Amino acid sequence: MVRKILVLGAGKSTSFLLDYFLKKSISEQLLLTIGDINPKAIPQAIAAHKNCRVIPVDVNDPPSRKAAVSNCDIVVSMLPARMHLSVAQDCIQYQKHLVTASYISKEIRELENDVRKHGLVFLNEVGLDPGIDHMSAMEIIDRIRGKGGKMLLFESFTGGLVALESDTNLWNYKFTWNPRNVVIAGQGGAAKFIQEGTYKYIPYHKLFRRTEFLDIEGYGRFEAYANRDSLWYREAYGLEDVLTLYRGTMRRVGFSRAWNIFVQLGMTDDSYHIENSEGMSFREFVNLFLPYSPTDSVELKLRHYLKIDQDDIMWEKLEELDIFNPNKKIPLANATPAKALQHILENSWTLGEDEKDMIVMYHKFGYELNGKKRQLDANMVVLGEDRTFTAMAKTVGLPVAIATLNILNKKITTPGVQIPISKEVYQPILSELQSQGITFKEYQVPYLGYNPDTVAG
């Protein structure tokens, strides 16, 4: 019997997802339907597959959305998180399972009773981060507990970066996922975590000057800044008694110090609009945030304002972005500072057609076993193939695809709104990911507690 999968949204993170479904379509008897607001954008190699059909779906148009949902067995929503709720409500109405890579919203959580009542699986946070981070962490935590160990410390870091061979700018960075999320990262409240039993808070304007350093064999040194809320994971992972819990985002060393320039200037602000932004030059945009002077140049004002020496690498990084160019224009009307900055950065940080990205993930587990404190570190590195088949698309899309098949094949049956932290969910997914080359290396190291060398500069 043919099983029908509906994928809503076919953006940058879906190349491996769609490819996986189509490669499995004969052996698993799958019919893939891709619903997108712009069906002509779907690559012909996918759209022409005999077990695939592409249909126009506007998620904000209930008739087309409901028609698509009602005619499938399971829905995979790769839409922006804000669009999941109406899809989830349709899935309840038509009694369809749902898989997403997004964080569970409060509104989705409130559907729990209805989801359970209908025996449905609503599996969320099953992409990369969130997703592989949950599954790989819980596999090791459960293993430690299975030996009688007591968890003392958990730190987890993930970064979407550029592969070494394609690392061609001074920032050691290019966009490998939604650029907007990169520009506004860390906003919306202080980052909070627990360190050696003490609650810690880092306000946004200090976030990029508080970094932890990490080394990955064969790939060098990285830095990490704190994610917004690490404390939520205490309950999710059963770590209520842990002394240290910290989650962060990884970048190459030096990125955060340079990014902090934009934060201090106010260029990452997304709360107001610049009335005359359309047609404004990059140089004029920079000047918006600097004091008035009838004589000093934009460059001189910026150096004085932020106390940047002319021979500082930070200055070279700014110049490399061409932000002082009077001829390059911002084409956006009524842009927020964050959107204008995003446009400037996309001019410099977009992956070339044959360039490769890189995903890095690093976990630290501190625990006590047989009266002795121990530490286990685990890391994962995944390299992309090109601008289409990226490491980001692979690590987001493959676990979503694997989870979808496991639900269809009744390997995952526990109903409810959930994240992939139970053995029923994570074991088969991690096993399949390993066969796809997504693996972790583990190292037993001396227990150090929380890394005391956390402040850079």
Protein backbone atom coordinates (compact mmCIF):
# COMPACT_ATOMS: atom_id res chain seq x y z
CA MET A 1 0.00 0.00 0.00
CA VAL A 2 1.39 3.42 -0.96
CA ARG A 3 2.11 5.75 1.98
CA LYS A 4 1.69 9.45 1.27
CA ILE A 5 4.12 12.01 2.69
CA LEU A 6 3.38 15.72 2.44
CA VAL A 7 6.35 18.08 2.74
CA LEU A 8 5.31 21.70 3.24
CA GLY A 9 8.05 24.17 2.31
CA ALA A 10 11.03 23.30 0.13
CA GLY A 11 13.70 25.77 1.17
CA LYS A 12 17.48 25.50 1.61
CA SER A 13 17.34 22.79 4.27
CA THR A 14 15.35 20.27 2.22
CA SER A 15 17.78 18.98 -0.44
CA PHE A 16 18.83 15.85 1.50
CA LEU A 17 15.33 15.41 2.95
CA LEU A 18 13.65 15.21 -0.45
CA ASP A 19 16.46 13.12 -1.92
CA TYR A 20 16.18 10.61 0.95
CA PHE A 21 12.43 10.18 0.49
CA LEU A 22 12.73 9.69 -3.26
CA LYS A 23 15.57 7.18 -2.94
CA LYS A 24 13.41 5.21 -0.49
CA SER A 25 10.19 5.69 -2.46
CA ILE A 26 10.24 2.29 -4.19
CA SER A 27 11.41 0.09 -1.30
CA GLU A 28 9.17 1.92 1.21
CA GLN A 29 6.22 2.45 -1.19
CA LEU A 30 6.18 6.21 -0.79
CA LEU A 31 4.42 8.92 -2.72
CA LEU A 32 5.98 12.30 -1.98
CA THR A 33 3.93 15.46 -2.35
CA ILE A 34 5.76 18.78 -2.08
CA GLY A 35 3.52 21.71 -1.24
CA ASP A 36 5.14 25.10 -1.73
CA ILE A 37 3.97 28.63 -2.41
CA ASN A 38 6.37 28.71 -5.36
CA PRO A 39 6.23 25.23 -6.96
CA LYS A 40 8.25 26.35 -9.99
CA ALA A 41 11.27 26.75 -7.71
CA ILE A 42 11.44 23.01 -7.04
CA PRO A 43 14.42 21.51 -8.97
CA GLN A 44 13.32 19.63 -12.07
CA ALA A 45 15.26 16.53 -11.05
CA ILE A 46 12.99 16.24 -8.02
CA ALA A 47 9.71 17.42 -9.54
CA ALA A 48 10.03 14.98 -12.47
CA HIS A 49 10.53 11.91 -10.28
CA LYS A 50 7.80 9.34 -10.87
CA ASN A 51 7.03 9.08 -7.14
CA CYS A 52 6.85 12.82 -6.58
CA ARG A 53 4.27 15.47 -7.29
CA VAL A 54 4.50 19.18 -6.68
CA ILE A 55 1.45 21.27 -5.80
CA PRO A 56 0.96 24.96 -4.99
CA VAL A 57 0.15 25.45 -1.32
CA ASP A 58 -0.26 28.79 0.40
CA VAL A 59 -0.23 27.97 4.11
CA ASN A 60 -2.17 31.18 4.78
CA ASP A 61 -4.96 29.92 2.48
CA PRO A 62 -6.98 27.37 4.51
CA PRO A 63 -8.65 25.56 1.57
CA SER A 64 -5.39 24.72 -0.24
CA ARG A 65 -3.63 23.87 3.04
CA LYS A 66 -6.42 21.62 4.32
CA ALA A 67 -6.78 19.86 0.99
CA ALA A 68 -3.09 18.98 1.03
CA VAL A 69 -3.08 17.81 4.65
CA SER A 70 -6.23 15.70 4.28
CA ASN A 71 -4.73 13.78 1.36
CA CYS A 72 -1.64 12.35 3.09
CA ASP A 73 -0.61 9.98 5.87
CA ILE A 74 1.99 12.21 7.52
CA VAL A 75 2.99 15.87 7.27
CA VAL A 76 6.54 17.18 7.35
CA SER A 77 6.50 20.93 7.92
CA MET A 78 9.71 22.67 6.87
CA LEU A 79 7.98 26.04 7.05
CA PRO A 80 9.06 28.88 9.34
CA ALA A 81 8.10 28.07 12.94
CA ARG A 82 5.39 30.75 13.06
CA MET A 83 3.44 28.84 10.37
CA HIS A 84 3.32 25.48 12.14
CA LEU A 85 0.25 26.08 14.29
CA SER A 86 -2.37 26.11 11.53
CA VAL A 87 -0.76 23.03 9.97
CA ALA A 88 -0.79 21.27 13.36
CA GLN A 89 -4.47 22.10 13.87
CA ASP A 90 -5.24 20.62 10.44
CA CYS A 91 -3.29 17.49 11.36
CA ILE A 92 -5.50 17.05 14.41
CA GLN A 93 -8.65 17.67 12.37
CA TYR A 94 -7.67 15.07 9.75
CA GLN A 95 -5.76 12.83 12.20
CA LYS A 96 -2.34 12.99 10.58
CA HIS A 97 1.08 12.65 12.21
CA LEU A 98 3.36 15.73 12.12
CA VAL A 99 7.15 16.13 12.03
CA THR A 100 9.03 19.45 12.25
CA ALA A 101 12.61 20.61 12.84
CA SER A 102 11.47 23.66 14.83
CA TYR A 103 11.38 24.44 18.53
CA ILE A 104 8.01 23.60 20.08
CA SER A 105 5.98 26.75 20.60
CA LYS A 106 3.66 27.30 23.54
CA GLU A 107 0.70 27.05 21.17
CA ILE A 108 1.83 23.68 19.82
CA ARG A 109 2.34 22.36 23.37
CA GLU A 110 -1.25 23.28 24.18
CA LEU A 111 -2.42 20.78 21.56
CA GLU A 112 -1.04 17.89 23.65
CA ASN A 113 -4.40 16.53 24.87
CA ASP A 114 -5.95 16.46 21.41
CA VAL A 115 -2.85 14.91 19.89
CA ARG A 116 -2.80 12.13 22.49
CA LYS A 117 -6.55 11.58 22.24
CA HIS A 118 -6.21 10.79 18.54
CA GLY A 119 -3.08 8.65 19.06
CA LEU A 120 -0.98 11.00 16.92
CA VAL A 121 2.77 11.60 16.99
CA PHE A 122 3.75 15.28 16.77
CA LEU A 123 7.55 15.05 16.72
CA ASN A 124 9.33 18.41 16.85
CA GLU A 125 12.93 19.61 17.26
CA VAL A 126 14.26 16.69 15.22
CA GLY A 127 16.63 18.55 12.88
CA LEU A 128 20.14 19.66 13.80
CA ASP A 129 19.99 22.10 16.68
CA PRO A 130 17.44 21.36 17.95
CA GLY A 131 17.50 17.70 17.02
CA ILE A 132 20.78 15.84 16.70
CA ASP A 133 21.94 17.70 19.81
CA HIS A 134 18.99 16.27 21.79
CA MET A 135 19.41 12.74 20.52
CA SER A 136 23.19 12.45 20.82
CA ALA A 137 23.15 14.01 24.29
CA MET A 138 20.39 11.77 25.62
CA GLU A 139 22.05 8.65 24.21
CA ILE A 140 25.20 9.37 26.22
CA ILE A 141 23.35 10.62 29.33
CA ASP A 142 21.20 7.46 29.37
CA ARG A 143 24.35 5.36 28.91
CA ILE A 144 26.05 7.07 31.86
CA ARG A 145 22.97 6.64 34.04
CA GLY A 146 22.67 3.02 32.96
CA LYS A 147 26.09 2.39 34.52
CA GLY A 148 24.98 4.04 37.76
CA GLY A 149 26.59 7.41 37.07
CA LYS A 150 25.30 10.73 38.38
CA MET A 151 25.36 13.70 36.01
CA LEU A 152 27.24 16.78 37.26
CA LEU A 153 27.86 18.85 34.14
CA PHE A 154 26.46 19.17 30.65
CA GLU A 155 27.66 21.62 28.02
CA SER A 156 26.61 21.56 24.37
CA PHE A 157 27.70 23.70 21.42
CA THR A 158 26.77 23.76 17.74
CA GLY A 159 27.96 25.85 14.82
CA GLY A 160 27.06 26.19 11.17
CA LEU A 161 30.33 27.32 9.60
CA VAL A 162 32.29 27.24 6.38
CA ALA A 163 34.56 24.30 5.52
CA LEU A 164 38.30 24.93 5.78
CA GLU A 165 38.79 24.72 2.01
CA SER A 166 36.12 27.39 1.42
CA ASP A 167 37.17 29.64 4.30
CA THR A 168 38.24 32.65 2.25
CA ASN A 169 37.44 35.71 4.36
CA LEU A 170 38.84 37.29 7.51
CA TRP A 171 35.67 36.51 9.47
CA ASN A 172 36.09 32.76 8.82
CA TYR A 173 32.34 32.70 8.25
CA LYS A 174 29.70 32.46 5.52
CA PHE A 175 25.93 32.02 5.75
CA THR A 176 24.90 28.37 5.80
CA TRP A 177 21.37 28.90 7.12
CA ASN A 178 18.82 31.69 7.49
CA PRO A 179 20.91 34.92 7.52
CA ARG A 180 18.25 36.77 9.48
CA ASN A 181 18.60 34.35 12.39
CA VAL A 182 22.34 34.97 12.42
CA VAL A 183 21.92 38.76 12.54
CA ILE A 184 19.39 38.78 15.40
CA ALA A 185 20.93 35.87 17.36
CA GLY A 186 20.95 36.36 21.11
CA GLN A 187 18.27 39.03 21.24
CA GLY A 188 15.07 38.84 23.29
CA GLY A 189 16.48 38.65 26.82
CA ALA A 190 19.60 37.72 28.72
CA ALA A 191 21.34 34.41 28.09
CA LYS A 192 20.92 32.30 31.21
CA PHE A 193 22.65 29.17 32.42
CA ILE A 194 23.92 27.54 35.61
CA GLN A 195 27.61 27.29 36.51
CA GLU A 196 28.83 25.21 39.46
CA GLY A 197 25.43 25.60 41.10
CA THR A 198 25.19 29.37 40.52
CA TYR A 199 22.76 31.00 38.10
CA LYS A 200 24.45 33.20 35.50
CA TYR A 201 22.99 35.82 33.17
CA ILE A 202 24.62 37.57 30.22
CA PRO A 203 22.76 40.58 28.76
CA TYR A 204 22.74 40.91 24.98
CA HIS A 205 25.18 43.82 24.88
CA LYS A 206 27.79 41.65 26.67
CA LEU A 207 27.00 38.32 25.01
CA PHE A 208 29.70 38.36 22.34
CA ARG A 209 32.49 39.22 24.78
CA ARG A 210 31.91 36.12 26.94
CA THR A 211 33.16 33.10 25.05
CA GLU A 212 34.36 29.60 25.81
CA PHE A 213 37.14 28.00 23.75
CA LEU A 214 36.91 24.52 22.21
CA ASP A 215 39.41 22.45 20.24
CA ILE A 216 38.45 19.78 17.72
CA GLU A 217 41.19 17.50 16.47
CA GLY A 218 41.91 18.14 12.82
CA TYR A 219 39.80 21.31 12.69
CA GLY A 220 41.47 23.66 15.13
CA ARG A 221 40.13 26.03 17.75
CA PHE A 222 36.64 27.47 18.04
CA GLU A 223 34.84 29.84 20.38
CA ALA A 224 31.28 29.65 21.67
CA TYR A 225 28.87 32.23 23.06
CA ALA A 226 25.89 31.35 25.26
CA ASN A 227 22.48 30.54 23.84
CA ARG A 228 19.54 32.46 25.21
CA ASP A 229 18.06 29.87 27.60
CA SER A 230 20.04 26.84 28.68
CA LEU A 231 17.93 26.22 31.78
CA TRP A 232 14.94 24.80 29.88
CA TYR A 233 16.99 21.67 29.21
CA ARG A 234 17.22 20.74 32.88
CA GLU A 235 13.70 19.33 32.88
CA ALA A 236 13.77 18.05 29.30
CA TYR A 237 16.96 16.03 29.88
CA GLY A 238 16.23 15.15 33.51
CA LEU A 239 19.17 17.26 34.72
CA GLU A 240 17.43 19.14 37.54
CA ASP A 241 20.31 18.41 39.97
CA VAL A 242 23.19 19.11 37.58
CA LEU A 243 25.68 21.74 38.78
CA THR A 244 26.57 23.17 35.36
CA LEU A 245 24.33 23.44 32.31
CA TYR A 246 25.43 25.59 29.39
CA ARG A 247 24.53 25.62 25.70
CA GLY A 248 26.19 27.79 23.10
CA THR A 249 26.79 28.64 19.45
CA MET A 250 30.20 27.95 17.88
CA ARG A 251 32.22 30.27 15.68
CA ARG A 252 35.88 30.56 14.74
CA VAL A 253 37.98 32.43 17.27
CA GLY A 254 37.74 36.18 16.72
CA PHE A 255 34.29 36.23 15.14
CA SER A 256 32.46 37.26 18.30
CA ARG A 257 34.78 40.15 19.07
CA ALA A 258 34.27 41.51 15.56
CA TRP A 259 30.50 40.89 15.59
CA ASN A 260 30.30 42.84 18.82
CA ILE A 261 31.11 45.98 16.79
CA PHE A 262 27.72 45.70 15.08
CA VAL A 263 26.00 45.07 18.41
CA GLN A 264 27.58 48.11 20.06
CA LEU A 265 26.74 50.35 17.09
CA GLY A 266 23.11 49.20 17.12
CA MET A 267 23.17 47.68 13.63
CA THR A 268 21.57 44.41 14.77
CA ASP A 269 18.50 46.19 16.16
CA ASP A 270 15.27 44.91 14.58
CA SER A 271 12.80 47.01 16.57
CA TYR A 272 12.47 50.12 14.37
CA HIS A 273 12.52 51.13 10.71
CA ILE A 274 14.81 53.48 8.83
CA GLU A 275 12.48 55.73 6.86
CA ASN A 276 14.86 56.51 3.98
CA SER A 277 16.69 53.18 3.79
CA GLU A 278 15.92 52.42 0.14
CA GLY A 279 18.79 53.62 -2.01
CA MET A 280 20.94 54.47 1.01
CA SER A 281 24.61 53.68 0.47
CA PHE A 282 26.48 51.28 2.73
CA ARG A 283 28.57 54.24 3.87
CA GLU A 284 25.50 56.31 4.74
CA PHE A 285 24.09 53.38 6.70
CA VAL A 286 27.22 53.15 8.85
CA ASN A 287 27.14 56.90 9.42
CA LEU A 288 23.62 56.68 10.88
CA PHE A 289 25.05 55.23 14.07
CA LEU A 290 27.98 57.63 14.53
CA PRO A 291 28.23 61.10 16.10
CA TYR A 292 28.00 64.11 13.83
CA SER A 293 31.22 65.81 12.78
CA PRO A 294 31.62 68.50 10.11
CA THR A 295 35.21 67.43 9.44
CA ASP A 296 35.88 63.79 10.43
CA SER A 297 35.33 60.98 7.94
CA VAL A 298 33.02 58.05 8.63
CA GLU A 299 36.05 55.81 9.07
CA LEU A 300 37.70 58.13 11.59
CA LYS A 301 34.48 58.58 13.56
CA LEU A 302 33.93 54.83 13.79
CA ARG A 303 37.50 54.16 14.91
CA HIS A 304 37.29 56.83 17.59
CA TYR A 305 33.81 55.81 18.72
CA LEU A 306 34.73 52.14 19.23
CA LYS A 307 38.41 52.70 20.00
CA ILE A 308 39.64 50.55 17.11
CA ASP A 309 43.24 51.04 16.06
CA GLN A 310 43.93 51.27 12.34
CA ASP A 311 46.23 48.24 12.48
CA ASP A 312 43.68 46.15 14.44
CA ILE A 313 42.42 43.04 12.59
CA MET A 314 38.91 44.22 13.51
CA TRP A 315 39.38 47.16 11.17
CA GLU A 316 40.49 44.90 8.33
CA LYS A 317 37.38 42.77 8.85
CA LEU A 318 35.13 45.80 8.54
CA GLU A 319 36.89 47.00 5.40
CA GLU A 320 36.60 43.55 3.86
CA LEU A 321 32.80 43.86 4.03
CA ASP A 322 33.00 47.03 1.93
CA ILE A 323 30.72 48.81 4.39
CA PHE A 324 32.30 52.19 3.68
CA ASN A 325 31.49 51.99 -0.02
CA PRO A 326 29.50 55.07 -1.15
CA ASN A 327 28.34 53.38 -4.36
CA LYS A 328 26.81 50.16 -3.05
CA LYS A 329 23.16 50.67 -2.15
CA ILE A 330 20.60 49.09 0.18
CA PRO A 331 17.54 48.19 -1.95
CA LEU A 332 15.14 47.76 0.98
CA ALA A 333 12.39 50.24 1.82
CA ASN A 334 11.78 50.98 5.52
CA ALA A 335 14.38 48.43 6.54
CA THR A 336 15.26 47.82 10.15
CA PRO A 337 18.97 48.18 10.95
CA ALA A 338 19.16 44.38 11.21
CA LYS A 339 17.68 43.88 7.73
CA ALA A 340 19.99 46.47 6.20
CA LEU A 341 22.99 44.83 7.86
CA GLN A 342 21.83 41.44 6.60
CA HIS A 343 21.82 42.75 3.03
CA ILE A 344 25.36 44.10 3.42
CA LEU A 345 26.61 40.82 4.84
CA GLU A 346 24.94 38.71 2.18
CA ASN A 347 27.04 40.60 -0.37
CA SER A 348 30.15 39.08 1.21
CA TRP A 349 29.08 35.94 3.05
CA THR A 350 27.05 33.95 0.51
CA LEU A 351 28.46 30.52 -0.33
CA GLY A 352 29.73 30.10 -3.87
CA GLU A 353 28.17 27.41 -6.04
CA ASP A 354 30.93 24.88 -5.36
CA GLU A 355 31.87 26.03 -1.87
CA LYS A 356 31.33 23.80 1.13
CA ASP A 357 29.94 24.42 4.57
CA MET A 358 30.66 22.60 7.82
CA ILE A 359 28.61 21.65 10.87
CA VAL A 360 30.39 21.21 14.19
CA MET A 361 28.83 19.97 17.42
CA TYR A 362 30.58 19.51 20.75
CA HIS A 363 29.21 17.98 23.99
CA LYS A 364 30.81 17.80 27.42
CA PHE A 365 29.46 15.40 30.05
CA GLY A 366 30.71 15.56 33.64
CA TYR A 367 29.56 12.77 35.94
CA GLU A 368 30.37 10.81 39.09
CA LEU A 369 30.73 7.03 38.88
CA ASN A 370 31.88 4.73 41.68
CA GLY A 371 32.90 7.73 43.77
CA LYS A 372 35.11 9.23 41.05
CA LYS A 373 34.43 12.33 38.95
CA ARG A 374 34.85 11.75 35.20
CA GLN A 375 34.35 13.66 31.97
CA LEU A 376 33.38 12.49 28.49
CA ASP A 377 33.68 14.82 25.50
CA ALA A 378 32.01 14.06 22.17
CA ASN A 379 32.19 15.94 18.90
CA MET A 380 30.74 15.70 15.40
CA VAL A 381 31.93 17.32 12.18
CA VAL A 382 29.93 17.10 8.94
CA LEU A 383 31.08 18.61 5.64
CA GLY A 384 28.79 19.74 2.84
CA GLU A 385 29.15 18.87 -0.83
CA ASP A 386 28.27 22.21 -2.44
CA ARG A 387 25.86 25.15 -2.04
CA THR A 388 22.80 22.92 -2.60
CA PHE A 389 23.75 19.77 -0.74
CA THR A 390 25.09 21.50 2.34
CA ALA A 391 26.09 20.02 5.67
CA MET A 392 23.32 22.16 7.16
CA ALA A 393 20.71 20.61 4.83
CA LYS A 394 22.07 17.14 5.60
CA THR A 395 22.02 17.47 9.37
CA VAL A 396 18.62 19.19 9.42
CA GLY A 397 16.89 17.18 6.71
CA LEU A 398 18.09 13.60 7.25
CA PRO A 399 16.92 13.20 10.86
CA VAL A 400 13.55 14.68 9.89
CA ALA A 401 13.26 12.20 7.00
CA ILE A 402 14.36 9.23 9.11
CA ALA A 403 11.93 10.16 11.88
CA THR A 404 9.09 10.39 9.34
CA LEU A 405 9.74 6.88 8.03
CA ASN A 406 10.07 5.51 11.56
CA ILE A 407 6.63 6.89 12.40
CA LEU A 408 5.14 5.44 9.22
CA ASN A 409 6.80 2.09 9.96
CA LYS A 410 5.53 2.16 13.56
CA LYS A 411 8.99 2.20 15.10
CA ILE A 412 7.93 5.42 16.84
CA THR A 413 4.43 4.99 18.27
CA THR A 414 4.19 6.88 21.57
CA PRO A 415 1.59 9.61 20.97
CA GLY A 416 1.89 13.25 22.00
CA VAL A 417 3.68 16.51 21.32
CA GLN A 418 7.32 15.61 21.90
CA ILE A 419 10.99 16.13 21.21
CA PRO A 420 13.40 13.26 20.36
CA ILE A 421 14.70 12.41 23.83
CA SER A 422 13.26 8.92 24.37
CA LYS A 423 15.14 5.77 23.33
CA GLU A 424 12.22 4.78 21.12
CA VAL A 425 12.87 7.89 19.05
CA TYR A 426 16.60 8.54 19.19
CA GLN A 427 18.05 5.03 18.89
CA PRO A 428 16.81 4.18 15.37
CA ILE A 429 17.45 7.72 14.12
CA LEU A 430 21.03 7.85 15.41
CA SER A 431 21.68 4.39 14.00
CA GLU A 432 20.52 5.45 10.53
CA LEU A 433 22.42 8.74 10.74
CA GLN A 434 25.58 6.78 11.48
CA SER A 435 25.09 4.82 8.27
CA GLN A 436 24.82 8.19 6.49
CA GLY A 437 28.19 9.32 7.87
CA ILE A 438 26.89 11.49 10.73
CA THR A 439 28.83 10.18 13.71
CA PHE A 440 30.36 11.35 16.99
CA LYS A 441 33.87 10.81 18.29
CA GLU A 442 34.12 10.32 22.05
CA TYR A 443 37.02 11.12 24.36
CA GLN A 444 37.43 10.31 28.06
CA VAL A 445 39.23 13.31 29.59
CA PRO A 446 40.10 14.46 33.13
CA TYR A 447 37.15 16.06 34.92
CA LEU A 448 37.70 19.83 35.03
CA GLY A 449 34.26 21.09 35.99
CA TYR A 450 33.11 24.21 34.17
CA ASN A 451 35.88 25.67 31.99
CA PRO A 452 37.26 28.64 34.01
CA ASP A 453 38.74 30.24 30.85
CA THR A 454 35.41 31.61 29.63
CA VAL A 455 36.08 35.30 29.11
CA ALA A 456 37.86 36.32 25.92
CA GLY A 457 39.69 39.61 25.90
